[in-house]
Amino acid sequence: MFISNAYATPAAGVTDLMSFLPIVIIFILFFFMIIRPQMKQAKETRNMVAALKKGDEVTTTGGVIGKVTKVGDSFVSIEIATDTVINVQKAAVLTLLPPGTIKSI
C-alpha cells in the first residue's frame, strides 16, 4: 500500500496534430516571405540575361558599366571604354541600365 497504482493516459489524438501546427505555419510563412520572392527575382534575372542584345547598357557583378557589343551562348562582350572590350559570362551581368546612362556618368 506504499505504492500507488499507475493508470494509462488517454489517447492524445488531436493534441499531437495541434503540436505540428506551429511548424506548418512557420514553413508557410517562410515560403511566402523568403523563398517565393527569391524565385521570382531569379526568374526575372534569367529573362533579362536571355534578352540581352547588342547596344544594351549593363552593369556586371564586379561593378563594371559598359555597352554590349556581342552576345554569345554563354559570354557577352562589353565595351567599357573606346576600343576596350572585355568578355564576361552572361551570369555576371547584374542589371540592364536605361539607355543613355553611360553618357550621363
N, C-alpha and C. Protein backbone atom coordinates (compact mmCIF):
# COMPACT_ATOMS: atom_id res chain seq x y z
N MET A 1 0.78 -1.16 0.00
CA MET A 1 0.00 0.00 0.00
C MET A 1 0.84 1.27 0.00
N PHE A 2 2.14 1.06 -0.04
CA PHE A 2 3.01 2.21 -0.13
C PHE A 2 3.15 2.69 -1.58
N ILE A 3 2.85 1.84 -2.55
CA ILE A 3 2.98 2.19 -3.96
C ILE A 3 1.60 2.43 -4.52
N SER A 4 1.43 3.59 -5.19
CA SER A 4 0.13 3.89 -5.78
C SER A 4 0.02 3.23 -7.15
N ASN A 5 -1.21 3.03 -7.59
CA ASN A 5 -1.46 2.40 -8.88
C ASN A 5 -1.12 3.36 -10.03
N ALA A 6 -0.56 2.83 -11.12
CA ALA A 6 -0.24 3.62 -12.30
C ALA A 6 -1.29 3.34 -13.36
N TYR A 7 -1.96 4.39 -13.80
CA TYR A 7 -3.01 4.24 -14.80
C TYR A 7 -2.52 4.75 -16.15
N ALA A 8 -3.01 4.17 -17.23
CA ALA A 8 -2.64 4.59 -18.59
C ALA A 8 -3.29 5.93 -18.89
N THR A 9 -2.55 6.76 -19.63
CA THR A 9 -3.10 8.07 -20.02
C THR A 9 -4.02 7.89 -21.22
N PRO A 10 -5.00 8.74 -21.36
CA PRO A 10 -5.89 8.63 -22.51
C PRO A 10 -5.16 8.98 -23.80
N ALA A 11 -5.66 8.48 -24.93
CA ALA A 11 -5.05 8.74 -26.23
C ALA A 11 -5.05 10.23 -26.53
N ALA A 12 -3.91 10.73 -27.06
CA ALA A 12 -3.75 12.17 -27.28
C ALA A 12 -4.56 12.62 -28.50
N GLY A 13 -4.45 11.93 -29.62
CA GLY A 13 -5.24 12.22 -30.82
C GLY A 13 -5.03 13.63 -31.35
N VAL A 14 -5.92 14.54 -31.03
CA VAL A 14 -5.92 15.89 -31.58
C VAL A 14 -4.72 16.69 -31.08
N THR A 15 -4.26 16.50 -29.91
CA THR A 15 -3.14 17.29 -29.38
C THR A 15 -1.85 17.03 -30.16
N ASP A 16 -1.65 15.80 -30.65
CA ASP A 16 -0.47 15.54 -31.46
C ASP A 16 -0.52 16.31 -32.77
N LEU A 17 -1.68 16.37 -33.39
CA LEU A 17 -1.84 17.12 -34.63
C LEU A 17 -1.66 18.60 -34.38
N MET A 18 -2.17 19.09 -33.28
CA MET A 18 -2.05 20.51 -32.96
C MET A 18 -0.62 20.91 -32.63
N SER A 19 0.21 19.98 -32.21
CA SER A 19 1.61 20.31 -31.90
C SER A 19 2.41 20.57 -33.18
N PHE A 20 1.99 20.03 -34.31
CA PHE A 20 2.68 20.26 -35.58
C PHE A 20 2.19 21.53 -36.28
N LEU A 21 1.09 22.09 -35.85
CA LEU A 21 0.52 23.27 -36.49
C LEU A 21 1.48 24.46 -36.50
N PRO A 22 2.18 24.81 -35.42
CA PRO A 22 3.13 25.93 -35.48
C PRO A 22 4.26 25.71 -36.49
N ILE A 23 4.73 24.48 -36.60
CA ILE A 23 5.80 24.19 -37.57
C ILE A 23 5.29 24.38 -38.98
N VAL A 24 4.08 23.95 -39.26
CA VAL A 24 3.49 24.11 -40.59
C VAL A 24 3.30 25.59 -40.90
N ILE A 25 2.81 26.35 -39.94
CA ILE A 25 2.61 27.79 -40.15
C ILE A 25 3.93 28.50 -40.39
N ILE A 26 4.97 28.13 -39.65
CA ILE A 26 6.29 28.75 -39.85
C ILE A 26 6.81 28.41 -41.24
N PHE A 27 6.63 27.18 -41.71
CA PHE A 27 7.09 26.82 -43.05
C PHE A 27 6.34 27.61 -44.12
N ILE A 28 5.04 27.77 -43.96
CA ILE A 28 4.26 28.53 -44.94
C ILE A 28 4.71 29.99 -44.98
N LEU A 29 4.91 30.59 -43.81
CA LEU A 29 5.40 31.97 -43.77
C LEU A 29 6.80 32.07 -44.39
N PHE A 30 7.66 31.13 -44.08
CA PHE A 30 9.00 31.09 -44.64
C PHE A 30 8.95 31.03 -46.17
N PHE A 31 8.06 30.21 -46.69
CA PHE A 31 7.94 30.07 -48.14
C PHE A 31 7.49 31.38 -48.79
N PHE A 32 6.44 31.99 -48.25
CA PHE A 32 5.89 33.19 -48.89
C PHE A 32 6.72 34.45 -48.64
N MET A 33 7.51 34.47 -47.59
CA MET A 33 8.28 35.68 -47.30
C MET A 33 9.73 35.61 -47.79
N ILE A 34 10.27 34.41 -47.98
CA ILE A 34 11.68 34.30 -48.37
C ILE A 34 11.86 33.56 -49.69
N ILE A 35 11.36 32.35 -49.77
CA ILE A 35 11.64 31.52 -50.94
C ILE A 35 10.95 32.04 -52.20
N ARG A 36 9.68 32.35 -52.12
CA ARG A 36 8.93 32.78 -53.30
C ARG A 36 9.48 34.08 -53.91
N PRO A 37 9.78 35.13 -53.12
CA PRO A 37 10.36 36.33 -53.73
C PRO A 37 11.72 36.08 -54.38
N GLN A 38 12.54 35.21 -53.79
CA GLN A 38 13.82 34.90 -54.40
C GLN A 38 13.65 34.16 -55.72
N MET A 39 12.69 33.26 -55.78
CA MET A 39 12.42 32.55 -57.04
C MET A 39 11.95 33.52 -58.11
N LYS A 40 11.11 34.47 -57.73
CA LYS A 40 10.60 35.46 -58.69
C LYS A 40 11.74 36.34 -59.21
N GLN A 41 12.63 36.79 -58.32
CA GLN A 41 13.75 37.63 -58.72
C GLN A 41 14.71 36.86 -59.62
N ALA A 42 14.97 35.60 -59.31
CA ALA A 42 15.85 34.78 -60.14
C ALA A 42 15.27 34.59 -61.54
N LYS A 43 13.96 34.42 -61.63
CA LYS A 43 13.30 34.27 -62.92
C LYS A 43 13.42 35.55 -63.74
N GLU A 44 13.23 36.70 -63.11
CA GLU A 44 13.36 37.98 -63.80
C GLU A 44 14.79 38.19 -64.31
N THR A 45 15.78 37.81 -63.49
CA THR A 45 17.18 37.95 -63.90
C THR A 45 17.49 37.03 -65.07
N ARG A 46 17.00 35.78 -65.03
CA ARG A 46 17.21 34.86 -66.15
C ARG A 46 16.62 35.41 -67.44
N ASN A 47 15.41 35.96 -67.36
CA ASN A 47 14.77 36.53 -68.55
C ASN A 47 15.53 37.74 -69.07
N MET A 48 16.05 38.58 -68.16
CA MET A 48 16.81 39.76 -68.57
C MET A 48 18.10 39.34 -69.28
N VAL A 49 18.81 38.36 -68.74
CA VAL A 49 20.06 37.89 -69.35
C VAL A 49 19.78 37.24 -70.70
N ALA A 50 18.68 36.50 -70.80
CA ALA A 50 18.35 35.85 -72.07
C ALA A 50 17.97 36.87 -73.14
N ALA A 51 17.47 38.03 -72.74
CA ALA A 51 17.03 39.04 -73.69
C ALA A 51 18.10 40.08 -74.03
N LEU A 52 19.35 39.87 -73.57
CA LEU A 52 20.41 40.83 -73.88
C LEU A 52 20.65 40.90 -75.38
N LYS A 53 20.90 42.12 -75.85
CA LYS A 53 21.18 42.32 -77.27
C LYS A 53 22.25 43.38 -77.43
N LYS A 54 22.79 43.48 -78.60
CA LYS A 54 23.84 44.45 -78.90
C LYS A 54 23.30 45.86 -78.67
N GLY A 55 24.10 46.68 -77.98
CA GLY A 55 23.71 48.06 -77.72
C GLY A 55 23.12 48.29 -76.33
N ASP A 56 22.80 47.24 -75.60
CA ASP A 56 22.27 47.40 -74.24
C ASP A 56 23.38 47.88 -73.31
N GLU A 57 23.02 48.73 -72.37
CA GLU A 57 23.96 49.18 -71.36
C GLU A 57 23.72 48.37 -70.10
N VAL A 58 24.81 47.79 -69.56
CA VAL A 58 24.67 46.86 -68.44
C VAL A 58 25.69 47.16 -67.34
N THR A 59 25.39 46.60 -66.17
CA THR A 59 26.33 46.60 -65.05
C THR A 59 26.63 45.15 -64.71
N THR A 60 27.91 44.85 -64.47
CA THR A 60 28.29 43.49 -64.10
C THR A 60 28.34 43.36 -62.58
N THR A 61 28.51 42.13 -62.11
CA THR A 61 28.58 41.90 -60.67
C THR A 61 29.82 42.54 -60.06
N GLY A 62 30.83 42.79 -60.86
CA GLY A 62 32.04 43.45 -60.38
C GLY A 62 31.94 44.96 -60.37
N GLY A 63 30.82 45.50 -60.85
CA GLY A 63 30.61 46.94 -60.84
C GLY A 63 31.03 47.63 -62.12
N VAL A 64 31.38 46.87 -63.14
CA VAL A 64 31.80 47.44 -64.42
C VAL A 64 30.57 47.83 -65.22
N ILE A 65 30.58 49.06 -65.73
CA ILE A 65 29.47 49.54 -66.56
C ILE A 65 29.96 49.62 -67.99
N GLY A 66 29.15 49.14 -68.93
CA GLY A 66 29.54 49.18 -70.32
C GLY A 66 28.39 48.88 -71.25
N LYS A 67 28.71 48.90 -72.54
CA LYS A 67 27.72 48.66 -73.57
C LYS A 67 28.00 47.31 -74.23
N VAL A 68 26.97 46.52 -74.41
CA VAL A 68 27.11 45.19 -75.00
C VAL A 68 27.43 45.33 -76.48
N THR A 69 28.52 44.67 -76.92
CA THR A 69 28.89 44.70 -78.33
C THR A 69 28.67 43.38 -79.03
N LYS A 70 28.65 42.29 -78.27
CA LYS A 70 28.47 40.96 -78.86
C LYS A 70 27.86 40.05 -77.81
N VAL A 71 26.88 39.25 -78.21
CA VAL A 71 26.24 38.31 -77.31
C VAL A 71 26.44 36.90 -77.87
N GLY A 72 27.07 36.05 -77.06
CA GLY A 72 27.27 34.65 -77.44
C GLY A 72 26.36 33.75 -76.64
N ASP A 73 26.64 32.45 -76.70
CA ASP A 73 25.82 31.49 -75.96
C ASP A 73 26.00 31.64 -74.45
N SER A 74 27.25 31.76 -74.01
CA SER A 74 27.49 31.86 -72.57
C SER A 74 28.32 33.08 -72.18
N PHE A 75 28.81 33.84 -73.17
CA PHE A 75 29.62 35.01 -72.88
C PHE A 75 29.05 36.25 -73.57
N VAL A 76 29.38 37.41 -72.99
CA VAL A 76 28.95 38.69 -73.53
C VAL A 76 30.19 39.58 -73.63
N SER A 77 30.35 40.28 -74.75
CA SER A 77 31.43 41.24 -74.90
C SER A 77 30.88 42.61 -74.54
N ILE A 78 31.60 43.30 -73.64
CA ILE A 78 31.15 44.60 -73.17
C ILE A 78 32.25 45.62 -73.43
N GLU A 79 31.87 46.72 -74.07
CA GLU A 79 32.80 47.82 -74.32
C GLU A 79 32.73 48.76 -73.12
N ILE A 80 33.86 48.85 -72.37
CA ILE A 80 33.87 49.68 -71.18
C ILE A 80 34.51 51.04 -71.44
N ALA A 81 35.25 51.17 -72.51
CA ALA A 81 35.84 52.43 -72.95
C ALA A 81 36.07 52.32 -74.44
N THR A 82 36.46 53.40 -75.07
CA THR A 82 36.70 53.36 -76.51
C THR A 82 37.80 52.34 -76.82
N ASP A 83 37.50 51.41 -77.68
CA ASP A 83 38.41 50.33 -78.10
C ASP A 83 38.87 49.44 -76.94
N THR A 84 38.10 49.37 -75.88
CA THR A 84 38.40 48.47 -74.76
C THR A 84 37.19 47.57 -74.54
N VAL A 85 37.35 46.31 -74.91
CA VAL A 85 36.26 45.35 -74.83
C VAL A 85 36.67 44.22 -73.89
N ILE A 86 35.76 43.86 -73.00
CA ILE A 86 36.01 42.72 -72.11
C ILE A 86 34.95 41.66 -72.37
N ASN A 87 35.31 40.42 -72.10
CA ASN A 87 34.36 39.31 -72.22
C ASN A 87 34.01 38.83 -70.82
N VAL A 88 32.73 38.73 -70.54
CA VAL A 88 32.27 38.23 -69.24
C VAL A 88 31.21 37.17 -69.49
N GLN A 89 31.01 36.33 -68.49
CA GLN A 89 29.94 35.35 -68.59
C GLN A 89 28.60 36.06 -68.48
N LYS A 90 27.60 35.48 -69.11
CA LYS A 90 26.26 36.07 -69.05
C LYS A 90 25.76 36.18 -67.61
N ALA A 91 26.14 35.22 -66.79
CA ALA A 91 25.69 35.23 -65.40
C ALA A 91 26.28 36.40 -64.62
N ALA A 92 27.34 37.01 -65.13
CA ALA A 92 27.97 38.14 -64.44
C ALA A 92 27.23 39.46 -64.70
N VAL A 93 26.30 39.46 -65.63
CA VAL A 93 25.53 40.68 -65.90
C VAL A 93 24.49 40.82 -64.80
N LEU A 94 24.56 41.96 -64.09
CA LEU A 94 23.71 42.16 -62.93
C LEU A 94 22.43 42.92 -63.27
N THR A 95 22.57 44.05 -63.94
CA THR A 95 21.39 44.86 -64.26
C THR A 95 21.48 45.40 -65.67
N LEU A 96 20.34 45.68 -66.22
CA LEU A 96 20.21 46.32 -67.52
C LEU A 96 19.89 47.79 -67.25
N LEU A 97 20.76 48.68 -67.70
CA LEU A 97 20.59 50.10 -67.43
C LEU A 97 19.73 50.76 -68.50
N PRO A 98 19.07 51.86 -68.15
CA PRO A 98 18.30 52.60 -69.16
C PRO A 98 19.25 53.18 -70.22
N PRO A 99 18.79 53.31 -71.45
CA PRO A 99 19.65 53.87 -72.49
C PRO A 99 20.11 55.29 -72.14
N GLY A 100 21.38 55.58 -72.41
CA GLY A 100 21.93 56.89 -72.14
C GLY A 100 22.54 57.05 -70.77
N THR A 101 22.56 56.01 -69.99
CA THR A 101 23.12 56.08 -68.64
C THR A 101 24.63 56.32 -68.67
N ILE A 102 25.32 55.68 -69.59
CA ILE A 102 26.77 55.80 -69.67
C ILE A 102 27.16 57.24 -70.02
N LYS A 103 26.43 57.88 -70.90
CA LYS A 103 26.73 59.26 -71.28
C LYS A 103 26.52 60.23 -70.14
N SER A 104 25.58 59.91 -69.24
CA SER A 104 25.29 60.82 -68.14
C SER A 104 26.28 60.70 -66.99
N ILE A 105 27.13 59.67 -67.03
CA ILE A 105 28.11 59.48 -65.93
C ILE A 105 29.33 60.33 -66.15
